[in-house]
Amino acid sequence: MSIAVLTTYVLVVLGLMVIPGPATLLVLARSVSGGRRAGIATGLGIGVGDLIHSTMATFGLSALLATSALAFEVVKYIGVAYLIYLGYRAFIEKSGNLDMAAAPEIGPGKAFRQGIFTEILNPKTALFFLASCHSSSIPKADR
């Protein structure tokens, strides 16, 4: 691996870490509305979503997404639709009072499931695993 490739990879990973994505915002929202247990459950769900991404990369499903623009677009738009759905549900379920104590509390089970789906459908995570999968599939003579 050349130093230019390694430097580019490190810069991209650092950039992705600095920019908060949907997973970070979901953990923040669930922690504020549901408390510590809901925040931890959401984080665990995100971890399971990352495990699913890792499994997909291991079995080559990430390579399929990398080579098929249509498949990647479908996953990306399903993720967008899911985030819109979560926003709509939060808007509909809000109370008339803006006091934080009046916000509806979410259970850990629901927070866990939302964390999984948010991370599976997170395009930033998919791009990270696609890049990892692509860099490991390059023959050594080409690196």
N, C-alpha and C. Protein backbone atom coordinates (compact mmCIF):
# COMPACT_ATOMS: atom_id res chain seq x y z
N MET A 1 0.85 -1.17 0.00
CA MET A 1 0.00 0.00 0.00
C MET A 1 0.90 1.23 0.00
N SER A 2 0.60 2.14 -0.89
CA SER A 2 1.42 3.34 -0.99
C SER A 2 1.04 4.34 0.12
N ILE A 3 1.93 5.25 0.39
CA ILE A 3 1.68 6.26 1.43
C ILE A 3 0.54 7.20 1.01
N ALA A 4 0.40 7.44 -0.29
CA ALA A 4 -0.69 8.31 -0.77
C ALA A 4 -2.05 7.67 -0.51
N VAL A 5 -2.16 6.36 -0.76
CA VAL A 5 -3.43 5.67 -0.52
C VAL A 5 -3.74 5.66 0.97
N LEU A 6 -2.74 5.37 1.79
CA LEU A 6 -2.93 5.34 3.23
C LEU A 6 -3.32 6.72 3.76
N THR A 7 -2.67 7.75 3.29
CA THR A 7 -2.99 9.12 3.73
C THR A 7 -4.41 9.49 3.34
N THR A 8 -4.79 9.18 2.12
CA THR A 8 -6.16 9.48 1.66
C THR A 8 -7.18 8.73 2.51
N TYR A 9 -6.92 7.47 2.77
CA TYR A 9 -7.83 6.66 3.58
C TYR A 9 -7.98 7.25 4.98
N VAL A 10 -6.88 7.60 5.61
CA VAL A 10 -6.93 8.16 6.96
C VAL A 10 -7.70 9.48 6.96
N LEU A 11 -7.47 10.33 5.98
CA LEU A 11 -8.18 11.62 5.91
C LEU A 11 -9.69 11.42 5.72
N VAL A 12 -10.07 10.47 4.88
CA VAL A 12 -11.50 10.20 4.67
C VAL A 12 -12.14 9.66 5.94
N VAL A 13 -11.47 8.73 6.61
CA VAL A 13 -12.01 8.17 7.85
C VAL A 13 -12.14 9.25 8.91
N LEU A 14 -11.15 10.10 9.04
CA LEU A 14 -11.23 11.20 10.02
C LEU A 14 -12.38 12.14 9.68
N GLY A 15 -12.55 12.44 8.40
CA GLY A 15 -13.66 13.29 7.98
C GLY A 15 -15.01 12.67 8.31
N LEU A 16 -15.13 11.36 8.09
CA LEU A 16 -16.39 10.68 8.40
C LEU A 16 -16.64 10.63 9.90
N MET A 17 -15.58 10.57 10.70
CA MET A 17 -15.75 10.53 12.14
C MET A 17 -16.17 11.89 12.69
N VAL A 18 -15.70 12.96 12.09
CA VAL A 18 -15.98 14.31 12.60
C VAL A 18 -17.40 14.75 12.28
N ILE A 19 -17.90 14.38 11.11
CA ILE A 19 -19.23 14.81 10.68
C ILE A 19 -20.27 13.91 11.34
N PRO A 20 -21.15 14.47 12.16
CA PRO A 20 -22.15 13.62 12.81
C PRO A 20 -23.15 13.10 11.78
N GLY A 21 -23.42 11.84 11.84
CA GLY A 21 -24.36 11.22 10.92
C GLY A 21 -25.68 10.93 11.62
N PRO A 22 -26.55 10.22 10.93
CA PRO A 22 -27.86 9.91 11.50
C PRO A 22 -27.76 9.08 12.78
N ALA A 23 -26.76 8.22 12.88
CA ALA A 23 -26.62 7.38 14.07
C ALA A 23 -26.30 8.24 15.29
N THR A 24 -25.37 9.17 15.14
CA THR A 24 -25.01 10.06 16.25
C THR A 24 -26.20 10.89 16.69
N LEU A 25 -26.92 11.42 15.72
CA LEU A 25 -28.08 12.25 16.05
C LEU A 25 -29.19 11.43 16.69
N LEU A 26 -29.36 10.17 16.26
CA LEU A 26 -30.38 9.32 16.87
C LEU A 26 -30.04 9.00 18.32
N VAL A 27 -28.77 8.69 18.59
CA VAL A 27 -28.37 8.41 19.98
C VAL A 27 -28.62 9.64 20.85
N LEU A 28 -28.27 10.80 20.35
CA LEU A 28 -28.50 12.04 21.10
C LEU A 28 -30.00 12.24 21.36
N ALA A 29 -30.81 12.08 20.33
CA ALA A 29 -32.26 12.28 20.48
C ALA A 29 -32.87 11.27 21.44
N ARG A 30 -32.47 10.01 21.34
CA ARG A 30 -33.02 8.97 22.22
C ARG A 30 -32.54 9.16 23.66
N SER A 31 -31.33 9.62 23.83
CA SER A 31 -30.83 9.86 25.19
C SER A 31 -31.57 11.00 25.85
N VAL A 32 -31.87 12.04 25.09
CA VAL A 32 -32.59 13.19 25.63
C VAL A 32 -34.05 12.83 25.92
N SER A 33 -34.70 12.12 24.98
CA SER A 33 -36.12 11.84 25.16
C SER A 33 -36.39 10.63 26.04
N GLY A 34 -35.50 9.64 26.03
CA GLY A 34 -35.78 8.41 26.76
C GLY A 34 -34.86 8.12 27.92
N GLY A 35 -33.84 8.93 28.08
CA GLY A 35 -32.93 8.71 29.19
C GLY A 35 -31.75 7.83 28.83
N ARG A 36 -30.98 7.52 29.85
CA ARG A 36 -29.75 6.76 29.68
C ARG A 36 -29.99 5.38 29.08
N ARG A 37 -31.00 4.66 29.57
CA ARG A 37 -31.27 3.31 29.06
C ARG A 37 -31.59 3.32 27.58
N ALA A 38 -32.41 4.25 27.14
CA ALA A 38 -32.76 4.33 25.73
C ALA A 38 -31.54 4.72 24.89
N GLY A 39 -30.70 5.61 25.41
CA GLY A 39 -29.49 6.00 24.69
C GLY A 39 -28.52 4.84 24.55
N ILE A 40 -28.34 4.07 25.61
CA ILE A 40 -27.46 2.90 25.56
C ILE A 40 -28.03 1.85 24.63
N ALA A 41 -29.33 1.62 24.69
CA ALA A 41 -29.97 0.64 23.80
C ALA A 41 -29.81 1.05 22.34
N THR A 42 -29.94 2.34 22.07
CA THR A 42 -29.75 2.83 20.70
C THR A 42 -28.32 2.60 20.25
N GLY A 43 -27.35 2.89 21.11
CA GLY A 43 -25.95 2.66 20.78
C GLY A 43 -25.66 1.19 20.53
N LEU A 44 -26.26 0.30 21.34
CA LEU A 44 -26.09 -1.13 21.11
C LEU A 44 -26.71 -1.56 19.78
N GLY A 45 -27.86 -0.99 19.46
CA GLY A 45 -28.49 -1.28 18.16
C GLY A 45 -27.61 -0.84 17.00
N ILE A 46 -26.97 0.30 17.15
CA ILE A 46 -26.05 0.78 16.12
C ILE A 46 -24.86 -0.17 16.00
N GLY A 47 -24.39 -0.68 17.13
CA GLY A 47 -23.31 -1.66 17.10
C GLY A 47 -23.72 -2.93 16.35
N VAL A 48 -24.95 -3.39 16.57
CA VAL A 48 -25.45 -4.56 15.84
C VAL A 48 -25.57 -4.24 14.36
N GLY A 49 -26.00 -3.02 14.03
CA GLY A 49 -26.05 -2.61 12.62
C GLY A 49 -24.67 -2.63 11.98
N ASP A 50 -23.65 -2.20 12.71
CA ASP A 50 -22.27 -2.27 12.20
C ASP A 50 -21.82 -3.71 12.03
N LEU A 51 -22.24 -4.58 12.95
CA LEU A 51 -21.91 -6.00 12.82
C LEU A 51 -22.54 -6.59 11.57
N ILE A 52 -23.75 -6.18 11.27
CA ILE A 52 -24.42 -6.65 10.05
C ILE A 52 -23.67 -6.14 8.82
N HIS A 53 -23.23 -4.88 8.84
CA HIS A 53 -22.42 -4.35 7.73
C HIS A 53 -21.13 -5.15 7.58
N SER A 54 -20.48 -5.49 8.69
CA SER A 54 -19.24 -6.27 8.64
C SER A 54 -19.49 -7.65 8.05
N THR A 55 -20.59 -8.26 8.43
CA THR A 55 -20.94 -9.57 7.90
C THR A 55 -21.20 -9.49 6.40
N MET A 56 -21.92 -8.44 5.99
CA MET A 56 -22.17 -8.26 4.56
C MET A 56 -20.87 -8.07 3.79
N ALA A 57 -19.94 -7.33 4.36
CA ALA A 57 -18.65 -7.13 3.69
C ALA A 57 -17.88 -8.43 3.60
N THR A 58 -17.96 -9.23 4.67
CA THR A 58 -17.26 -10.51 4.69
C THR A 58 -17.76 -11.45 3.61
N PHE A 59 -19.06 -11.48 3.40
CA PHE A 59 -19.64 -12.39 2.41
C PHE A 59 -19.76 -11.76 1.02
N GLY A 60 -19.23 -10.57 0.84
CA GLY A 60 -19.19 -9.97 -0.49
C GLY A 60 -20.42 -9.18 -0.89
N LEU A 61 -21.38 -9.02 0.01
CA LEU A 61 -22.57 -8.26 -0.35
C LEU A 61 -22.24 -6.78 -0.52
N SER A 62 -21.24 -6.30 0.21
CA SER A 62 -20.82 -4.91 0.03
C SER A 62 -20.22 -4.71 -1.36
N ALA A 63 -19.52 -5.72 -1.87
CA ALA A 63 -18.97 -5.62 -3.23
C ALA A 63 -20.10 -5.53 -4.24
N LEU A 64 -21.20 -6.24 -3.99
CA LEU A 64 -22.36 -6.15 -4.88
C LEU A 64 -22.90 -4.73 -4.90
N LEU A 65 -23.01 -4.12 -3.72
CA LEU A 65 -23.48 -2.73 -3.66
C LEU A 65 -22.50 -1.78 -4.34
N ALA A 66 -21.21 -2.09 -4.25
CA ALA A 66 -20.19 -1.23 -4.86
C ALA A 66 -20.27 -1.29 -6.38
N THR A 67 -20.63 -2.44 -6.92
CA THR A 67 -20.65 -2.58 -8.39
C THR A 67 -22.00 -2.24 -8.99
N SER A 68 -23.04 -2.23 -8.18
CA SER A 68 -24.37 -1.94 -8.70
C SER A 68 -24.85 -0.59 -8.17
N ALA A 69 -24.85 0.39 -9.05
CA ALA A 69 -25.31 1.72 -8.65
C ALA A 69 -26.78 1.68 -8.25
N LEU A 70 -27.56 0.86 -8.94
CA LEU A 70 -28.99 0.75 -8.64
C LEU A 70 -29.20 0.19 -7.23
N ALA A 71 -28.47 -0.86 -6.86
CA ALA A 71 -28.62 -1.45 -5.53
C ALA A 71 -28.23 -0.45 -4.45
N PHE A 72 -27.15 0.29 -4.68
CA PHE A 72 -26.73 1.29 -3.70
C PHE A 72 -27.76 2.40 -3.57
N GLU A 73 -28.32 2.85 -4.69
CA GLU A 73 -29.35 3.90 -4.66
C GLU A 73 -30.58 3.41 -3.90
N VAL A 74 -30.98 2.16 -4.12
CA VAL A 74 -32.15 1.61 -3.42
C VAL A 74 -31.91 1.62 -1.92
N VAL A 75 -30.75 1.14 -1.48
CA VAL A 75 -30.44 1.13 -0.04
C VAL A 75 -30.41 2.56 0.51
N LYS A 76 -29.82 3.47 -0.26
CA LYS A 76 -29.73 4.86 0.19
C LYS A 76 -31.12 5.47 0.36
N TYR A 77 -32.01 5.25 -0.60
CA TYR A 77 -33.34 5.87 -0.52
C TYR A 77 -34.24 5.18 0.50
N ILE A 78 -34.02 3.89 0.75
CA ILE A 78 -34.74 3.24 1.83
C ILE A 78 -34.31 3.87 3.16
N GLY A 79 -33.02 4.16 3.31
CA GLY A 79 -32.53 4.83 4.51
C GLY A 79 -33.13 6.21 4.68
N VAL A 80 -33.21 6.96 3.59
CA VAL A 80 -33.83 8.29 3.64
C VAL A 80 -35.29 8.17 4.05
N ALA A 81 -35.99 7.22 3.46
CA ALA A 81 -37.41 7.04 3.78
C ALA A 81 -37.59 6.67 5.26
N TYR A 82 -36.69 5.83 5.78
CA TYR A 82 -36.79 5.44 7.19
C TYR A 82 -36.55 6.62 8.11
N LEU A 83 -35.56 7.46 7.79
CA LEU A 83 -35.31 8.64 8.61
C LEU A 83 -36.47 9.63 8.55
N ILE A 84 -37.07 9.78 7.37
CA ILE A 84 -38.25 10.64 7.25
C ILE A 84 -39.39 10.08 8.10
N TYR A 85 -39.56 8.75 8.05
CA TYR A 85 -40.59 8.10 8.87
C TYR A 85 -40.36 8.37 10.36
N LEU A 86 -39.11 8.23 10.82
CA LEU A 86 -38.81 8.49 12.23
C LEU A 86 -39.11 9.95 12.59
N GLY A 87 -38.73 10.86 11.70
CA GLY A 87 -39.03 12.28 11.94
C GLY A 87 -40.52 12.55 11.98
N TYR A 88 -41.26 11.93 11.08
CA TYR A 88 -42.71 12.10 11.04
C TYR A 88 -43.34 11.57 12.33
N ARG A 89 -42.89 10.38 12.77
CA ARG A 89 -43.43 9.80 14.00
C ARG A 89 -43.12 10.69 15.20
N ALA A 90 -41.92 11.24 15.24
CA ALA A 90 -41.56 12.13 16.34
C ALA A 90 -42.41 13.39 16.32
N PHE A 91 -42.69 13.89 15.14
CA PHE A 91 -43.50 15.10 15.00
C PHE A 91 -44.95 14.82 15.41
N ILE A 92 -45.49 13.70 14.99
CA ILE A 92 -46.88 13.35 15.31
C ILE A 92 -47.05 13.05 16.80
N GLU A 93 -46.06 12.37 17.39
CA GLU A 93 -46.17 11.96 18.79
C GLU A 93 -45.83 13.06 19.78
N LYS A 94 -45.36 14.20 19.30
CA LYS A 94 -44.98 15.26 20.23
C LYS A 94 -46.20 15.81 20.94
N SER A 95 -45.99 16.27 22.13
CA SER A 95 -47.09 16.86 22.87
C SER A 95 -47.19 18.34 22.53
N GLY A 96 -48.29 18.96 22.89
CA GLY A 96 -48.46 20.39 22.65
C GLY A 96 -47.53 21.23 23.50
N ASN A 97 -47.09 20.69 24.63
CA ASN A 97 -46.21 21.39 25.54
C ASN A 97 -44.76 21.15 25.12
N LEU A 98 -43.95 22.16 25.06
CA LEU A 98 -42.56 22.02 24.64
C LEU A 98 -41.63 21.69 25.79
N ASP A 99 -42.17 21.48 26.97
CA ASP A 99 -41.35 21.12 28.12
C ASP A 99 -40.74 19.74 27.89
N MET A 100 -39.42 19.59 28.15
CA MET A 100 -38.73 18.33 27.92
C MET A 100 -39.31 17.20 28.76
N ALA A 101 -39.81 17.52 29.94
CA ALA A 101 -40.38 16.48 30.80
C ALA A 101 -41.64 15.88 30.18
N ALA A 102 -42.31 16.61 29.30
CA ALA A 102 -43.53 16.13 28.69
C ALA A 102 -43.27 15.31 27.43
N ALA A 103 -42.01 15.21 26.99
CA ALA A 103 -41.69 14.44 25.78
C ALA A 103 -41.98 12.97 26.02
N PRO A 104 -42.58 12.29 25.02
CA PRO A 104 -42.90 10.88 25.21
C PRO A 104 -41.62 10.05 25.36
N GLU A 105 -41.64 9.16 26.32
CA GLU A 105 -40.46 8.33 26.59
C GLU A 105 -40.51 7.10 25.68
N ILE A 106 -39.35 6.70 25.19
CA ILE A 106 -39.26 5.54 24.32
C ILE A 106 -38.59 4.41 25.11
N GLY A 107 -39.08 3.20 24.91
CA GLY A 107 -38.52 2.05 25.62
C GLY A 107 -37.20 1.60 25.00
N PRO A 108 -36.39 0.89 25.78
CA PRO A 108 -35.10 0.42 25.27
C PRO A 108 -35.22 -0.52 24.06
N GLY A 109 -36.25 -1.35 24.03
CA GLY A 109 -36.43 -2.27 22.91
C GLY A 109 -36.65 -1.54 21.59
N LYS A 110 -37.51 -0.56 21.63
CA LYS A 110 -37.79 0.23 20.42
C LYS A 110 -36.55 1.04 20.03
N ALA A 111 -35.85 1.59 21.01
CA ALA A 111 -34.63 2.36 20.73
C ALA A 111 -33.57 1.46 20.10
N PHE A 112 -33.46 0.22 20.59
CA PHE A 112 -32.51 -0.75 20.04
C PHE A 112 -32.82 -1.04 18.58
N ARG A 113 -34.08 -1.31 18.28
CA ARG A 113 -34.49 -1.60 16.89
C ARG A 113 -34.25 -0.40 15.97
N GLN A 114 -34.56 0.79 16.47
CA GLN A 114 -34.32 1.99 15.65
C GLN A 114 -32.83 2.16 15.38
N GLY A 115 -31.99 1.86 16.37
CA GLY A 115 -30.55 1.95 16.18
C GLY A 115 -30.06 0.99 15.10
N ILE A 116 -30.57 -0.25 15.12
CA ILE A 116 -30.18 -1.23 14.10
C ILE A 116 -30.55 -0.74 12.71
N PHE A 117 -31.81 -0.38 12.53
CA PHE A 117 -32.27 0.03 11.19
C PHE A 117 -31.58 1.31 10.72
N THR A 118 -31.37 2.24 11.63
CA THR A 118 -30.70 3.48 11.24
C THR A 118 -29.29 3.21 10.77
N GLU A 119 -28.56 2.32 11.44
CA GLU A 119 -27.18 2.05 11.05
C GLU A 119 -27.10 1.19 9.79
N ILE A 120 -28.00 0.22 9.65
CA ILE A 120 -27.99 -0.61 8.43
C ILE A 120 -28.24 0.26 7.20
N LEU A 121 -29.14 1.22 7.34
CA LEU A 121 -29.52 2.06 6.20
C LEU A 121 -28.73 3.36 6.12
N ASN A 122 -27.68 3.50 6.93
CA ASN A 122 -26.86 4.70 6.95
C ASN A 122 -25.90 4.69 5.76
N PRO A 123 -26.05 5.63 4.82
CA PRO A 123 -25.18 5.61 3.65
C PRO A 123 -23.71 5.86 4.00
N LYS A 124 -23.44 6.61 5.06
CA LYS A 124 -22.05 6.87 5.46
C LYS A 124 -21.36 5.57 5.89
N THR A 125 -22.06 4.75 6.65
CA THR A 125 -21.51 3.47 7.07
C THR A 125 -21.33 2.54 5.88
N ALA A 126 -22.32 2.53 4.99
CA ALA A 126 -22.21 1.69 3.81
C ALA A 126 -21.00 2.09 2.97
N LEU A 127 -20.76 3.39 2.82
CA LEU A 127 -19.60 3.84 2.05
C LEU A 127 -18.30 3.42 2.71
N PHE A 128 -18.25 3.47 4.04
CA PHE A 128 -17.04 3.06 4.75
C PHE A 128 -16.75 1.59 4.50
N PHE A 129 -17.77 0.74 4.62
CA PHE A 129 -17.56 -0.68 4.42
C PHE A 129 -17.30 -1.00 2.95
N LEU A 130 -17.91 -0.25 2.03
CA LEU A 130 -17.63 -0.44 0.61
C LEU A 130 -16.18 -0.10 0.31
N ALA A 131 -15.68 0.99 0.91
CA ALA A 131 -14.28 1.38 0.68
C ALA A 131 -13.34 0.34 1.27
N SER A 132 -13.67 -0.18 2.44
CA SER A 132 -12.83 -1.20 3.06
C SER A 132 -12.82 -2.47 2.22
N CYS A 133 -14.00 -2.84 1.71
CA CYS A 133 -14.12 -4.04 0.90
C CYS A 133 -13.35 -3.86 -0.40
N HIS A 134 -13.47 -2.68 -1.01
CA HIS A 134 -12.80 -2.43 -2.29
C HIS A 134 -11.29 -2.43 -2.13
N SER A 135 -10.79 -1.82 -1.07
CA SER A 135 -9.33 -1.75 -0.90
C SER A 135 -8.74 -3.12 -0.61
N SER A 136 -9.50 -4.02 0.01
CA SER A 136 -8.97 -5.35 0.29
C SER A 136 -9.07 -6.27 -0.92
N SER A 137 -9.87 -5.88 -1.95
CA SER A 137 -10.02 -6.73 -3.12
C SER A 137 -9.05 -6.34 -4.25
N ILE A 138 -8.27 -5.29 -4.07
CA ILE A 138 -7.31 -4.88 -5.09
C ILE A 138 -6.12 -5.83 -5.04
N PRO A 139 -5.74 -6.43 -6.17
CA PRO A 139 -4.59 -7.32 -6.16
C PRO A 139 -3.34 -6.59 -5.68
N LYS A 140 -2.44 -7.32 -5.01
CA LYS A 140 -1.25 -6.70 -4.41
C LYS A 140 -0.37 -6.01 -5.43
N ALA A 141 -0.35 -6.48 -6.66
CA ALA A 141 0.48 -5.86 -7.69
C ALA A 141 -0.03 -4.47 -8.04
N ASP A 142 -1.35 -4.23 -7.85
CA ASP A 142 -1.95 -2.94 -8.20
C ASP A 142 -1.90 -1.94 -7.05
N ARG A 143 -1.59 -2.37 -5.86
CA ARG A 143 -1.62 -1.46 -4.70
C ARG A 143 -0.43 -0.57 -4.66
